[in-house]
């Protein structure tokens, strides 16, 4: 099996994402909310850590804390106000351990409840009228 290289990605020339699925040194890199995220549909599609980057980019409290690949690969609920690790910390390995412990993986029970809530939301969806007003409609 041949391993893909940066140059194999069609976005290689213009990509500014600090974390790349094709980077063999990915585990040594960090990402700050506000920085670019891999947009490759070939190499980045469906990767949990890229999905978490997008969520953290929207919900992060500050753009001055970083996330590494171990943090982003966790199957967690990314909540509004999430923060990463302070790059000026005197104990980054200790802070990483604390961050990992404070952000437990989603349990199968939580996943099931989230799926059920999504199904309920799909039953009741929003429609806008011609004046821009929203109304809740129920599918029958």
N, C-alpha and C. Protein backbone atom coordinates (compact mmCIF):
# COMPACT_ATOMS: atom_id res chain seq x y z
N UNK A 1 0.83 -1.18 0.00
CA UNK A 1 0.00 0.00 0.00
C UNK A 1 0.88 1.25 0.00
N UNK A 2 0.56 2.19 -0.86
CA UNK A 2 1.33 3.43 -0.96
C UNK A 2 0.75 4.48 -0.03
N UNK A 3 1.63 5.17 0.67
CA UNK A 3 1.19 6.23 1.56
C UNK A 3 1.11 7.54 0.79
N UNK A 4 -0.01 8.26 0.96
CA UNK A 4 -0.19 9.53 0.27
C UNK A 4 0.75 10.58 0.85
N UNK A 5 1.14 11.53 0.01
CA UNK A 5 2.01 12.63 0.41
C UNK A 5 1.25 13.93 0.25
N UNK A 6 1.77 15.00 0.87
CA UNK A 6 1.14 16.32 0.77
C UNK A 6 0.79 16.66 -0.68
N UNK A 7 1.73 16.40 -1.57
CA UNK A 7 1.57 16.77 -2.98
C UNK A 7 0.42 16.03 -3.65
N UNK A 8 -0.03 14.92 -3.07
CA UNK A 8 -1.13 14.14 -3.64
C UNK A 8 -2.48 14.85 -3.47
N UNK A 9 -2.54 15.77 -2.54
CA UNK A 9 -3.79 16.49 -2.27
C UNK A 9 -3.95 17.61 -3.30
N UNK A 10 -5.12 17.70 -3.90
CA UNK A 10 -5.39 18.73 -4.88
C UNK A 10 -5.39 20.14 -4.29
N UNK A 11 -5.43 20.24 -2.97
CA UNK A 11 -5.46 21.54 -2.31
C UNK A 11 -4.09 21.95 -1.77
N UNK A 12 -3.08 21.13 -2.04
CA UNK A 12 -1.75 21.31 -1.47
C UNK A 12 -1.19 22.71 -1.67
N UNK A 13 -1.30 23.26 -2.85
CA UNK A 13 -0.69 24.55 -3.16
C UNK A 13 -1.28 25.71 -2.36
N UNK A 14 -2.57 25.66 -2.05
CA UNK A 14 -3.21 26.80 -1.39
C UNK A 14 -3.63 26.55 0.05
N UNK A 15 -3.44 25.34 0.55
CA UNK A 15 -3.89 25.00 1.89
C UNK A 15 -3.03 25.66 2.96
N UNK A 16 -3.71 26.21 3.98
CA UNK A 16 -3.00 26.84 5.10
C UNK A 16 -3.31 26.15 6.43
N UNK A 17 -3.96 24.99 6.37
CA UNK A 17 -4.34 24.28 7.59
C UNK A 17 -3.09 23.74 8.30
N UNK A 18 -2.93 24.06 9.59
CA UNK A 18 -1.76 23.56 10.32
C UNK A 18 -1.84 22.06 10.61
N UNK A 19 -3.06 21.48 10.62
CA UNK A 19 -3.21 20.04 10.82
C UNK A 19 -3.68 19.42 9.52
N UNK A 20 -2.90 18.49 9.01
CA UNK A 20 -3.21 17.85 7.73
C UNK A 20 -3.25 16.34 7.91
N UNK A 21 -4.29 15.68 7.37
CA UNK A 21 -4.37 14.22 7.49
C UNK A 21 -3.19 13.50 6.83
N UNK A 22 -2.50 14.17 5.93
CA UNK A 22 -1.37 13.54 5.24
C UNK A 22 -0.03 13.79 5.92
N UNK A 23 -0.04 14.56 7.00
CA UNK A 23 1.20 14.92 7.69
C UNK A 23 1.66 13.79 8.60
N UNK A 24 2.84 13.20 8.33
CA UNK A 24 3.32 12.12 9.20
C UNK A 24 3.67 12.62 10.61
N UNK A 25 3.87 13.92 10.77
CA UNK A 25 4.18 14.49 12.08
C UNK A 25 2.97 15.14 12.73
N UNK A 26 1.78 14.71 12.35
CA UNK A 26 0.54 15.31 12.84
C UNK A 26 0.45 15.33 14.36
N UNK A 27 0.95 14.28 15.01
CA UNK A 27 0.85 14.20 16.47
C UNK A 27 1.74 15.22 17.19
N UNK A 28 2.58 15.94 16.46
CA UNK A 28 3.44 16.95 17.06
C UNK A 28 2.93 18.38 16.81
N UNK A 29 1.82 18.51 16.08
CA UNK A 29 1.31 19.82 15.68
C UNK A 29 0.14 20.24 16.57
N UNK A 30 -0.13 21.54 16.56
CA UNK A 30 -1.27 22.09 17.30
C UNK A 30 -2.10 22.98 16.39
N UNK A 31 -3.33 23.23 16.81
CA UNK A 31 -4.26 24.08 16.06
C UNK A 31 -4.94 25.03 17.02
N UNK A 32 -5.06 26.29 16.61
CA UNK A 32 -5.76 27.30 17.38
C UNK A 32 -7.07 27.62 16.68
N UNK A 33 -8.17 27.74 17.44
CA UNK A 33 -9.44 28.15 16.82
C UNK A 33 -9.21 29.45 16.04
N UNK A 34 -9.77 29.52 14.88
CA UNK A 34 -9.56 30.67 14.01
C UNK A 34 -8.59 30.36 12.89
N UNK A 35 -7.75 29.32 13.07
CA UNK A 35 -6.84 28.91 12.00
C UNK A 35 -7.60 28.06 11.00
N UNK A 36 -7.01 27.88 9.84
CA UNK A 36 -7.62 27.09 8.78
C UNK A 36 -7.78 25.63 9.19
N UNK A 37 -8.76 24.99 8.53
CA UNK A 37 -9.06 23.57 8.76
C UNK A 37 -9.03 22.87 7.42
N UNK A 38 -8.53 21.66 7.37
CA UNK A 38 -8.46 20.88 6.14
C UNK A 38 -9.84 20.82 5.48
N UNK A 39 -9.88 21.13 4.19
CA UNK A 39 -11.14 21.12 3.45
C UNK A 39 -11.13 20.04 2.36
N UNK A 40 -10.14 19.16 2.39
CA UNK A 40 -10.04 18.11 1.38
C UNK A 40 -11.17 17.10 1.53
N UNK A 41 -11.91 16.91 0.45
CA UNK A 41 -12.97 15.90 0.46
C UNK A 41 -12.38 14.51 0.26
N UNK A 42 -11.18 14.45 -0.22
CA UNK A 42 -10.53 13.17 -0.44
C UNK A 42 -9.88 12.64 0.82
N UNK A 43 -9.10 13.47 1.50
CA UNK A 43 -8.33 13.01 2.65
C UNK A 43 -8.92 13.41 4.00
N UNK A 44 -9.77 14.43 4.04
CA UNK A 44 -10.30 14.90 5.30
C UNK A 44 -11.73 14.51 5.58
N UNK A 45 -12.42 14.00 4.58
CA UNK A 45 -13.85 13.68 4.72
C UNK A 45 -14.10 12.64 5.81
N UNK A 46 -15.02 12.95 6.70
CA UNK A 46 -15.45 11.99 7.71
C UNK A 46 -14.53 11.81 8.89
N UNK A 47 -13.45 12.57 8.97
CA UNK A 47 -12.54 12.42 10.11
C UNK A 47 -13.11 13.16 11.33
N UNK A 48 -13.26 12.45 12.44
CA UNK A 48 -13.81 13.02 13.66
C UNK A 48 -13.03 14.24 14.10
N UNK A 49 -11.72 14.19 14.01
CA UNK A 49 -10.93 15.32 14.51
C UNK A 49 -11.16 16.58 13.68
N UNK A 50 -11.46 16.45 12.42
CA UNK A 50 -11.77 17.62 11.60
C UNK A 50 -13.16 18.14 11.94
N UNK A 51 -14.10 17.24 12.19
CA UNK A 51 -15.44 17.66 12.63
C UNK A 51 -15.34 18.41 13.96
N UNK A 52 -14.52 17.91 14.87
CA UNK A 52 -14.34 18.58 16.16
C UNK A 52 -13.64 19.92 16.00
N UNK A 53 -12.72 20.03 15.06
CA UNK A 53 -12.09 21.33 14.79
C UNK A 53 -13.15 22.35 14.37
N UNK A 54 -14.02 21.95 13.46
CA UNK A 54 -15.06 22.87 12.99
C UNK A 54 -15.95 23.32 14.15
N UNK A 55 -16.34 22.37 14.99
CA UNK A 55 -17.18 22.71 16.14
C UNK A 55 -16.43 23.64 17.10
N UNK A 56 -15.19 23.30 17.42
CA UNK A 56 -14.40 24.13 18.34
C UNK A 56 -14.17 25.51 17.75
N UNK A 57 -13.98 25.58 16.44
CA UNK A 57 -13.79 26.88 15.79
C UNK A 57 -15.00 27.78 15.96
N UNK A 58 -16.20 27.19 15.96
CA UNK A 58 -17.43 27.96 16.14
C UNK A 58 -17.72 28.27 17.61
N UNK A 59 -17.33 27.37 18.50
CA UNK A 59 -17.78 27.46 19.89
C UNK A 59 -16.70 27.85 20.89
N UNK A 60 -15.48 27.98 20.46
CA UNK A 60 -14.38 28.26 21.39
C UNK A 60 -14.55 29.61 22.07
N UNK A 61 -14.20 29.63 23.33
CA UNK A 61 -14.27 30.85 24.12
C UNK A 61 -13.18 31.83 23.70
N UNK A 62 -12.00 31.29 23.43
CA UNK A 62 -10.85 32.13 23.05
C UNK A 62 -10.10 31.46 21.90
N UNK A 63 -9.51 32.27 21.05
CA UNK A 63 -8.67 31.75 19.97
C UNK A 63 -7.21 31.63 20.40
N UNK A 64 -6.93 31.90 21.67
CA UNK A 64 -5.55 31.92 22.15
C UNK A 64 -5.13 30.62 22.83
N UNK A 65 -6.01 29.63 22.87
CA UNK A 65 -5.63 28.33 23.43
C UNK A 65 -5.60 27.31 22.30
N UNK A 66 -4.75 26.31 22.43
CA UNK A 66 -4.57 25.36 21.34
C UNK A 66 -5.17 23.99 21.64
N UNK A 67 -5.39 23.25 20.55
CA UNK A 67 -5.83 21.87 20.61
C UNK A 67 -4.82 21.04 19.84
N UNK A 68 -4.53 19.84 20.33
CA UNK A 68 -3.67 18.94 19.56
C UNK A 68 -4.53 17.79 19.03
N UNK A 69 -3.94 16.92 18.28
CA UNK A 69 -4.69 15.85 17.62
C UNK A 69 -5.32 14.89 18.63
N UNK A 70 -4.66 14.64 19.77
CA UNK A 70 -5.23 13.76 20.78
C UNK A 70 -6.51 14.35 21.35
N UNK A 71 -6.55 15.65 21.53
CA UNK A 71 -7.75 16.32 22.04
C UNK A 71 -8.86 16.27 21.00
N UNK A 72 -8.51 16.55 19.77
CA UNK A 72 -9.51 16.63 18.70
C UNK A 72 -10.05 15.26 18.29
N UNK A 73 -9.29 14.20 18.51
CA UNK A 73 -9.75 12.85 18.14
C UNK A 73 -10.73 12.26 19.14
N UNK A 74 -10.91 12.90 20.29
CA UNK A 74 -11.84 12.38 21.29
C UNK A 74 -13.27 12.58 20.82
N UNK A 75 -14.09 11.57 21.02
CA UNK A 75 -15.51 11.66 20.67
C UNK A 75 -16.23 12.31 21.84
N UNK A 76 -16.20 13.65 21.85
CA UNK A 76 -16.77 14.42 22.96
C UNK A 76 -17.87 15.34 22.45
N UNK A 77 -18.63 15.88 23.37
CA UNK A 77 -19.58 16.93 23.03
C UNK A 77 -18.82 18.24 23.12
N UNK A 78 -18.72 18.96 22.00
CA UNK A 78 -18.01 20.23 21.97
C UNK A 78 -19.03 21.32 22.30
N UNK A 79 -18.92 21.86 23.51
CA UNK A 79 -19.88 22.85 23.99
C UNK A 79 -19.38 24.28 23.75
N UNK A 80 -20.33 25.20 23.76
CA UNK A 80 -19.99 26.61 23.63
C UNK A 80 -19.06 26.99 24.78
N UNK A 81 -18.02 27.73 24.46
CA UNK A 81 -17.07 28.17 25.47
C UNK A 81 -15.91 27.23 25.69
N UNK A 82 -15.80 26.18 24.87
CA UNK A 82 -14.70 25.23 25.03
C UNK A 82 -13.36 25.96 24.89
N UNK A 83 -12.41 25.54 25.69
CA UNK A 83 -11.06 26.10 25.59
C UNK A 83 -10.07 24.96 25.47
N UNK A 84 -8.95 25.27 24.88
CA UNK A 84 -7.88 24.31 24.74
C UNK A 84 -6.86 24.51 25.85
N UNK A 85 -5.60 24.41 25.50
CA UNK A 85 -4.51 24.56 26.46
C UNK A 85 -3.77 25.87 26.19
N UNK A 86 -3.43 26.56 27.26
CA UNK A 86 -2.69 27.82 27.16
C UNK A 86 -1.27 27.52 26.68
N UNK A 87 -0.85 28.12 25.56
CA UNK A 87 0.50 27.84 25.06
C UNK A 87 1.60 28.36 25.98
N UNK A 88 1.27 29.25 26.91
CA UNK A 88 2.26 29.78 27.85
C UNK A 88 2.34 28.97 29.14
N UNK A 89 1.61 27.86 29.20
CA UNK A 89 1.59 27.03 30.39
C UNK A 89 2.99 26.50 30.72
N UNK A 90 3.26 26.38 31.99
CA UNK A 90 4.54 25.81 32.46
C UNK A 90 4.49 24.29 32.49
N UNK A 91 3.25 23.70 32.38
CA UNK A 91 3.09 22.25 32.47
C UNK A 91 2.10 21.77 31.40
N UNK A 92 2.49 21.86 30.15
CA UNK A 92 1.59 21.46 29.06
C UNK A 92 1.22 19.98 29.16
N UNK A 93 2.15 19.04 29.43
CA UNK A 93 1.74 17.64 29.57
C UNK A 93 0.72 17.44 30.69
N UNK A 94 0.90 18.13 31.81
CA UNK A 94 -0.06 18.04 32.92
C UNK A 94 -1.40 18.64 32.55
N UNK A 95 -1.36 19.78 31.84
CA UNK A 95 -2.60 20.41 31.40
C UNK A 95 -3.34 19.54 30.39
N UNK A 96 -2.59 18.85 29.54
CA UNK A 96 -3.20 17.94 28.57
C UNK A 96 -3.91 16.79 29.30
N UNK A 97 -3.26 16.21 30.31
CA UNK A 97 -3.89 15.14 31.10
C UNK A 97 -5.17 15.64 31.75
N UNK A 98 -5.14 16.84 32.32
CA UNK A 98 -6.33 17.42 32.96
C UNK A 98 -7.44 17.65 31.93
N UNK A 99 -7.07 18.16 30.76
CA UNK A 99 -8.06 18.44 29.72
C UNK A 99 -8.73 17.15 29.28
N UNK A 100 -7.92 16.11 29.04
CA UNK A 100 -8.45 14.81 28.60
C UNK A 100 -9.41 14.26 29.67
N UNK A 101 -9.03 14.36 30.94
CA UNK A 101 -9.87 13.86 32.03
C UNK A 101 -11.17 14.65 32.16
N UNK A 102 -11.11 15.95 31.85
CA UNK A 102 -12.29 16.81 31.99
C UNK A 102 -13.25 16.71 30.81
N UNK A 103 -12.84 16.02 29.77
CA UNK A 103 -13.68 15.88 28.57
C UNK A 103 -13.85 14.40 28.23
N UNK A 104 -14.75 13.72 28.98
CA UNK A 104 -14.94 12.28 28.75
C UNK A 104 -15.62 11.99 27.41
N UNK A 105 -15.34 10.81 26.90
CA UNK A 105 -15.94 10.35 25.64
C UNK A 105 -17.45 10.23 25.80
N UNK A 106 -18.17 10.43 24.71
CA UNK A 106 -19.62 10.25 24.70
C UNK A 106 -19.91 8.77 24.92
N UNK A 107 -20.81 8.47 25.86
CA UNK A 107 -21.17 7.08 26.14
C UNK A 107 -22.21 6.60 25.12
N UNK A 108 -22.37 5.30 24.95
CA UNK A 108 -23.41 4.79 24.05
C UNK A 108 -24.80 5.29 24.45
N UNK A 109 -25.07 5.41 25.75
CA UNK A 109 -26.36 5.91 26.22
C UNK A 109 -26.58 7.36 25.80
N UNK A 110 -25.54 8.18 25.92
CA UNK A 110 -25.64 9.57 25.49
C UNK A 110 -25.87 9.65 23.98
N UNK A 111 -25.17 8.80 23.24
CA UNK A 111 -25.30 8.79 21.79
C UNK A 111 -26.74 8.45 21.40
N UNK A 112 -27.33 7.48 22.07
CA UNK A 112 -28.71 7.08 21.78
C UNK A 112 -29.67 8.23 22.08
N UNK A 113 -29.46 8.90 23.22
CA UNK A 113 -30.33 10.03 23.56
C UNK A 113 -30.19 11.17 22.55
N UNK A 114 -28.99 11.39 22.05
CA UNK A 114 -28.77 12.43 21.04
C UNK A 114 -29.48 12.07 19.73
N UNK A 115 -29.43 10.80 19.36
CA UNK A 115 -30.12 10.36 18.14
C UNK A 115 -31.63 10.53 18.29
N UNK A 116 -32.16 10.19 19.46
CA UNK A 116 -33.59 10.34 19.70
C UNK A 116 -34.00 11.81 19.66
N UNK A 117 -33.19 12.67 20.24
CA UNK A 117 -33.50 14.10 20.22
C UNK A 117 -33.47 14.63 18.79
N UNK A 118 -32.51 14.17 17.99
CA UNK A 118 -32.45 14.57 16.59
C UNK A 118 -33.68 14.13 15.82
N UNK A 119 -34.14 12.92 16.11
CA UNK A 119 -35.34 12.41 15.44
C UNK A 119 -36.55 13.26 15.82
N UNK A 120 -36.64 13.64 17.10
CA UNK A 120 -37.75 14.51 17.52
C UNK A 120 -37.69 15.86 16.83
N UNK A 121 -36.48 16.41 16.68
CA UNK A 121 -36.33 17.70 16.01
C UNK A 121 -36.70 17.61 14.54
N UNK A 122 -36.36 16.50 13.91
CA UNK A 122 -36.70 16.33 12.49
C UNK A 122 -38.21 16.22 12.30
N UNK A 123 -38.91 15.72 13.31
CA UNK A 123 -40.37 15.64 13.25
C UNK A 123 -40.98 17.03 13.23
N UNK A 124 -40.39 17.93 13.99
CA UNK A 124 -40.89 19.31 14.11
C UNK A 124 -39.81 20.21 13.54
N UNK A 125 -40.04 20.74 12.37
CA UNK A 125 -39.01 21.57 11.74
C UNK A 125 -39.54 22.98 11.49
N UNK A 126 -38.63 23.89 11.18
CA UNK A 126 -38.97 25.28 10.99
C UNK A 126 -39.16 25.59 9.51
N UNK A 127 -40.16 26.42 9.21
CA UNK A 127 -40.39 26.92 7.86
C UNK A 127 -40.49 28.44 7.95
N UNK A 128 -39.87 29.13 7.05
CA UNK A 128 -39.99 30.58 6.99
C UNK A 128 -41.04 30.97 5.97
N UNK A 129 -41.82 32.01 6.26
CA UNK A 129 -42.78 32.47 5.26
C UNK A 129 -42.14 33.56 4.40
N UNK A 130 -42.89 34.14 3.49
CA UNK A 130 -42.34 35.12 2.56
C UNK A 130 -41.89 36.40 3.25
N UNK A 131 -42.34 36.64 4.48
CA UNK A 131 -41.97 37.83 5.23
C UNK A 131 -40.78 37.58 6.16
N UNK A 132 -40.24 36.37 6.15
CA UNK A 132 -39.10 36.04 6.99
C UNK A 132 -39.49 35.56 8.38
N UNK A 133 -40.79 35.37 8.62
CA UNK A 133 -41.23 34.86 9.91
C UNK A 133 -41.08 33.34 9.94
N UNK A 134 -40.70 32.81 11.07
CA UNK A 134 -40.55 31.38 11.22
C UNK A 134 -41.76 30.78 11.91
N UNK A 135 -42.16 29.62 11.47
CA UNK A 135 -43.27 28.90 12.09
C UNK A 135 -42.85 27.47 12.29
N UNK A 136 -43.28 26.86 13.37
CA UNK A 136 -42.98 25.45 13.62
C UNK A 136 -44.05 24.62 12.94
N UNK A 137 -43.60 23.68 12.15
CA UNK A 137 -44.53 22.80 11.46
C UNK A 137 -44.29 21.37 11.93
N UNK A 138 -45.36 20.61 11.99
CA UNK A 138 -45.25 19.22 12.39
C UNK A 138 -45.54 18.34 11.20
N UNK A 139 -44.66 17.39 10.97
CA UNK A 139 -44.90 16.43 9.89
C UNK A 139 -45.90 15.40 10.38
N UNK A 140 -46.87 15.13 9.58
CA UNK A 140 -47.87 14.14 10.00
C UNK A 140 -47.71 12.87 9.22
